Amino acid sequence: MATKEKLRRLRFGRQESLPRQAVMSWTECGVGFLLGAVLAGAEIFGRYAPFGVAAVAAAGSGLTGVCTLAGSCLGYLCLEGMNDGMRYAASGVLVYSVAFAFFDARLYQKGWFMPGVACLISALTGIICRGGQGWYGEDLIYFVTEVLFTGAAAYGYRVLFRRWPEALDGPGELRPKEGAGVLILAGTVLMALARVEVLGTFSLGRLLAAVGTMYAARRGAREGVLVGACAGVALDL
């Protein structure tokens, strides 16, 4: 009996345990899908939601990009309604198409390329969908701010997306760009979760912001002030 069990393990052992690379790949895809869905619900000025498109630009081509795109499209259509949801979903599809088309190009490896593409496509789809209503006063300011936020968020997310394989091995020392990316990602996630109410009274995003600020303050006054200021600005937007 023991001999048969040993032979079975020798024969099927590799099939019973997934390779580490496959587990990491599927974990990245799951994280990308969840981030795309959550960030699609993060709004600025109560109307504009550019961060799902920024997540698609940061994820780039490949399976992780497809999952991030799927999550963002689902989030937009469920949270932003048909008109705005279709506009942002279309922007995400166009951004992913550019990433897929230019994947082998040297230009694609530049840190500013995909954020710039996200800015351009966000501006074009916004002009097409909202240009007919005209631009008056604050609407123009909001629109330009949305376009700039799309590129800035995509740049911050992209720094982190490139670090996913290392991050899955455990927390490590963050460089200044990566630290800024963490603050951008955390702030926009809190903006999305601020719409979720606990017991019909408390905002989940604001509760998490308070807990995160207190945790950062335990590591030092400077970290607490920085995290608190970033969380406050994000939630006020």
Protein backbone atom coordinates (compact mmCIF):
# COMPACT_ATOMS: atom_id res chain seq x y z
CA MET A 1 0.00 0.00 0.00
CA ALA A 2 2.81 2.38 0.87
CA THR A 3 4.54 1.55 -2.40
CA LYS A 4 1.42 2.37 -4.41
CA GLU A 5 1.01 5.70 -2.58
CA LYS A 6 4.66 6.58 -3.25
CA LEU A 7 4.29 5.79 -6.95
CA ARG A 8 1.12 7.89 -7.12
CA ARG A 9 2.91 10.88 -5.60
CA LEU A 10 5.84 10.51 -7.97
CA ARG A 11 3.48 10.37 -10.93
CA PHE A 12 0.97 13.09 -10.00
CA GLY A 13 2.90 15.27 -7.56
CA ARG A 14 3.60 18.06 -10.05
CA GLN A 15 -0.02 18.18 -11.15
CA GLU A 16 -1.37 18.50 -7.60
CA SER A 17 0.64 21.64 -6.76
CA LEU A 18 0.41 24.70 -8.95
CA PRO A 19 3.70 26.28 -9.99
CA ARG A 20 4.57 29.41 -8.05
CA GLN A 21 4.63 31.53 -11.19
CA ALA A 22 1.07 30.49 -12.08
CA VAL A 23 -0.17 31.35 -8.59
CA MET A 24 1.47 34.79 -8.76
CA SER A 25 0.04 35.40 -12.22
CA TRP A 26 -3.52 34.58 -11.15
CA THR A 27 -3.09 36.66 -8.01
CA GLU A 28 -2.05 39.64 -10.13
CA CYS A 29 -5.10 39.12 -12.33
CA GLY A 30 -7.42 38.99 -9.31
CA VAL A 31 -5.89 42.11 -7.80
CA GLY A 32 -6.19 43.89 -11.14
CA PHE A 33 -9.86 42.95 -11.51
CA LEU A 34 -10.72 44.14 -8.00
CA LEU A 35 -8.78 47.37 -8.37
CA GLY A 36 -10.42 48.11 -11.71
CA ALA A 37 -13.90 47.54 -10.26
CA VAL A 38 -13.26 49.56 -7.09
CA LEU A 39 -11.44 52.47 -8.73
CA ALA A 40 -14.24 52.84 -11.28
CA GLY A 41 -16.39 54.08 -8.40
CA ALA A 42 -13.96 56.78 -7.25
CA GLU A 43 -15.37 60.16 -8.26
CA ILE A 44 -14.03 63.71 -8.14
CA PHE A 45 -16.35 66.71 -7.96
CA GLY A 46 -19.28 64.31 -7.64
CA ARG A 47 -19.39 63.53 -11.36
CA TYR A 48 -16.06 62.54 -12.89
CA ALA A 49 -14.55 59.06 -12.47
CA PRO A 50 -11.18 58.81 -14.28
CA PHE A 51 -9.40 56.32 -12.04
CA GLY A 52 -10.68 53.08 -13.57
CA VAL A 53 -9.29 54.20 -16.93
CA ALA A 54 -6.01 55.08 -15.20
CA ALA A 55 -5.85 51.56 -13.73
CA VAL A 56 -6.26 50.03 -17.19
CA ALA A 57 -3.44 52.23 -18.51
CA ALA A 58 -1.20 51.19 -15.61
CA ALA A 59 -1.91 47.47 -16.05
CA GLY A 60 -0.97 47.60 -19.73
CA SER A 61 -1.35 44.63 -22.07
CA GLY A 62 -1.45 40.99 -21.13
CA LEU A 63 -3.78 38.96 -18.94
CA THR A 64 -3.53 41.37 -16.01
CA GLY A 65 -4.58 44.21 -18.27
CA VAL A 66 -7.56 42.23 -19.57
CA CYS A 67 -8.73 41.49 -16.01
CA THR A 68 -8.27 45.12 -14.96
CA LEU A 69 -10.23 46.24 -18.03
CA ALA A 70 -13.03 43.77 -17.25
CA GLY A 71 -13.23 44.95 -13.65
CA SER A 72 -13.28 48.62 -14.60
CA CYS A 73 -15.97 48.14 -17.26
CA LEU A 74 -18.12 46.23 -14.77
CA GLY A 75 -17.63 48.91 -12.14
CA TYR A 76 -18.40 51.76 -14.52
CA LEU A 77 -21.57 50.20 -15.88
CA CYS A 78 -22.83 49.32 -12.39
CA LEU A 79 -21.88 52.53 -10.59
CA GLU A 80 -21.87 55.34 -13.15
CA GLY A 81 -25.02 54.63 -15.14
CA MET A 82 -25.34 53.92 -18.83
CA ASN A 83 -24.23 57.24 -20.37
CA ASP A 84 -21.14 58.02 -18.29
CA GLY A 85 -20.44 54.32 -17.74
CA MET A 86 -20.29 53.64 -21.48
CA ARG A 87 -18.02 56.62 -22.03
CA TYR A 88 -15.50 55.49 -19.42
CA ALA A 89 -15.75 51.83 -20.46
CA ALA A 90 -15.04 52.85 -24.06
CA SER A 91 -12.04 54.87 -22.87
CA GLY A 92 -10.71 51.82 -21.05
CA VAL A 93 -11.13 49.63 -24.12
CA LEU A 94 -9.28 52.16 -26.29
CA VAL A 95 -6.47 52.51 -23.75
CA TYR A 96 -6.01 48.75 -23.58
CA SER A 97 -6.08 48.53 -27.39
CA VAL A 98 -3.19 51.00 -27.62
CA ALA A 99 -1.24 49.07 -24.97
CA PHE A 100 -1.81 45.82 -26.86
CA ALA A 101 -0.79 47.35 -30.20
CA PHE A 102 2.41 48.99 -28.91
CA PHE A 103 3.49 46.26 -26.49
CA ASP A 104 6.59 45.36 -28.52
CA ALA A 105 7.59 48.97 -29.19
CA ARG A 106 10.42 50.58 -27.28
CA LEU A 107 8.19 53.61 -26.68
CA TYR A 108 5.84 51.46 -24.60
CA GLN A 109 8.53 50.97 -21.96
CA LYS A 110 8.71 54.70 -21.25
CA GLY A 111 7.05 55.59 -17.97
CA TRP A 112 5.12 58.50 -19.48
CA PHE A 113 3.76 56.72 -22.56
CA MET A 114 0.67 54.96 -21.18
CA PRO A 115 -0.26 57.84 -18.82
CA GLY A 116 -0.03 60.17 -21.83
CA VAL A 117 -2.22 57.82 -23.88
CA ALA A 118 -4.77 57.72 -21.05
CA CYS A 119 -4.82 61.55 -20.92
CA LEU A 120 -5.31 61.84 -24.67
CA ILE A 121 -8.08 59.25 -24.91
CA SER A 122 -9.84 60.66 -21.84
CA ALA A 123 -9.78 64.12 -23.43
CA LEU A 124 -11.06 62.87 -26.80
CA THR A 125 -13.92 60.80 -25.38
CA GLY A 126 -14.87 63.67 -23.07
CA ILE A 127 -14.97 66.15 -25.95
CA ILE A 128 -17.07 63.77 -28.06
CA CYS A 129 -19.54 62.87 -25.29
CA ARG A 130 -19.81 66.20 -23.49
CA GLY A 131 -18.61 68.76 -26.00
CA GLY A 132 -22.10 69.19 -27.46
CA GLN A 133 -23.35 70.55 -24.13
CA GLY A 134 -20.81 73.38 -24.29
CA TRP A 135 -18.13 74.35 -21.82
CA TYR A 136 -19.06 76.97 -19.28
CA GLY A 137 -16.94 78.19 -16.39
CA GLU A 138 -16.32 75.48 -13.85
CA ASP A 139 -17.29 72.65 -16.23
CA LEU A 140 -14.18 73.34 -18.30
CA ILE A 141 -12.00 73.44 -15.17
CA TYR A 142 -13.47 70.14 -13.97
CA PHE A 143 -12.91 68.52 -17.35
CA VAL A 144 -9.26 69.62 -17.58
CA THR A 145 -8.70 68.47 -14.00
CA GLU A 146 -10.19 65.08 -14.85
CA VAL A 147 -7.83 64.65 -17.80
CA LEU A 148 -4.79 65.60 -15.70
CA PHE A 149 -5.87 63.29 -12.87
CA THR A 150 -6.18 60.43 -15.35
CA GLY A 151 -2.54 60.77 -16.38
CA ALA A 152 -1.23 61.40 -12.86
CA ALA A 153 -3.07 58.40 -11.41
CA ALA A 154 -1.97 56.17 -14.28
CA TYR A 155 1.66 57.16 -13.67
CA GLY A 156 1.39 56.45 -9.95
CA TYR A 157 -0.39 53.13 -10.47
CA ARG A 158 2.08 52.04 -13.14
CA VAL A 159 4.99 52.32 -10.72
CA LEU A 160 3.18 49.89 -8.42
CA PHE A 161 1.99 47.52 -11.15
CA ARG A 162 5.60 47.02 -12.20
CA ARG A 163 6.41 46.06 -8.62
CA TRP A 164 3.60 43.48 -8.22
CA PRO A 165 5.86 40.39 -8.51
CA GLU A 166 8.14 41.69 -5.74
CA ALA A 167 5.24 42.96 -3.61
CA LEU A 168 3.61 39.53 -3.60
CA ASP A 169 6.71 38.13 -1.90
CA GLY A 170 6.11 40.44 1.05
CA PRO A 171 6.49 44.12 1.99
CA GLY A 172 9.81 45.75 1.27
CA GLU A 173 11.48 49.14 1.30
CA LEU A 174 9.71 51.60 -0.98
CA ARG A 175 11.49 54.16 -3.09
CA PRO A 176 10.08 57.73 -3.17
CA LYS A 177 8.18 57.14 -6.44
CA GLU A 178 6.70 53.93 -5.11
CA GLY A 179 5.72 55.63 -1.86
CA ALA A 180 3.93 58.34 -3.84
CA GLY A 181 2.21 55.62 -5.88
CA VAL A 182 1.01 53.94 -2.68
CA LEU A 183 -0.49 57.22 -1.46
CA ILE A 184 -2.22 57.81 -4.80
CA LEU A 185 -3.63 54.29 -4.91
CA ALA A 186 -4.73 54.33 -1.27
CA GLY A 187 -6.33 57.76 -1.64
CA THR A 188 -8.35 56.81 -4.70
CA VAL A 189 -9.46 53.53 -3.13
CA LEU A 190 -10.67 55.49 -0.11
CA MET A 191 -12.55 57.83 -2.45
CA ALA A 192 -14.39 54.84 -3.89
CA LEU A 193 -15.11 53.26 -0.51
CA ALA A 194 -16.37 56.58 0.85
CA ARG A 195 -19.60 55.89 -1.04
CA VAL A 196 -20.15 52.69 0.97
CA GLU A 197 -22.07 53.21 4.20
CA VAL A 198 -21.79 50.93 7.24
CA LEU A 199 -25.03 50.54 9.20
CA GLY A 200 -26.47 53.33 7.08
CA THR A 201 -24.48 55.94 9.00
CA PHE A 202 -20.71 55.60 8.75
CA SER A 203 -18.68 55.93 5.58
CA LEU A 204 -16.40 52.92 5.11
CA GLY A 205 -13.80 55.01 3.29
CA ARG A 206 -13.63 57.60 6.07
CA LEU A 207 -13.36 54.91 8.75
CA LEU A 208 -10.47 53.26 6.90
CA ALA A 209 -8.83 56.67 6.41
CA ALA A 210 -8.96 57.33 10.16
CA VAL A 211 -7.53 53.90 10.97
CA GLY A 212 -4.77 54.28 8.36
CA THR A 213 -3.84 57.72 9.67
CA MET A 214 -3.60 56.45 13.26
CA TYR A 215 -1.48 53.51 12.13
CA ALA A 216 0.86 55.81 10.20
CA ALA A 217 1.09 58.15 13.21
CA ARG A 218 2.38 55.28 15.32
CA ARG A 219 5.40 55.11 13.03
CA GLY A 220 6.10 58.82 13.41
CA ALA A 221 4.51 62.26 13.40
CA ARG A 222 5.72 63.03 9.88
CA GLU A 223 4.15 59.87 8.43
CA GLY A 224 0.91 60.53 10.29
CA VAL A 225 0.64 64.11 9.02
CA LEU A 226 1.44 63.07 5.44
CA VAL A 227 -1.07 60.20 5.36
CA GLY A 228 -3.74 62.27 7.11
CA ALA A 229 -3.33 65.20 4.72
CA CYS A 230 -3.44 62.96 1.62
CA ALA A 231 -6.51 61.08 2.90
CA GLY A 232 -8.27 64.35 3.74
CA VAL A 233 -7.62 65.85 0.32
CA ALA A 234 -8.73 62.67 -1.44
CA LEU A 235 -11.98 62.41 0.49
CA ASP A 236 -12.75 66.13 0.07
CA LEU A 237 -12.41 65.82 -3.69
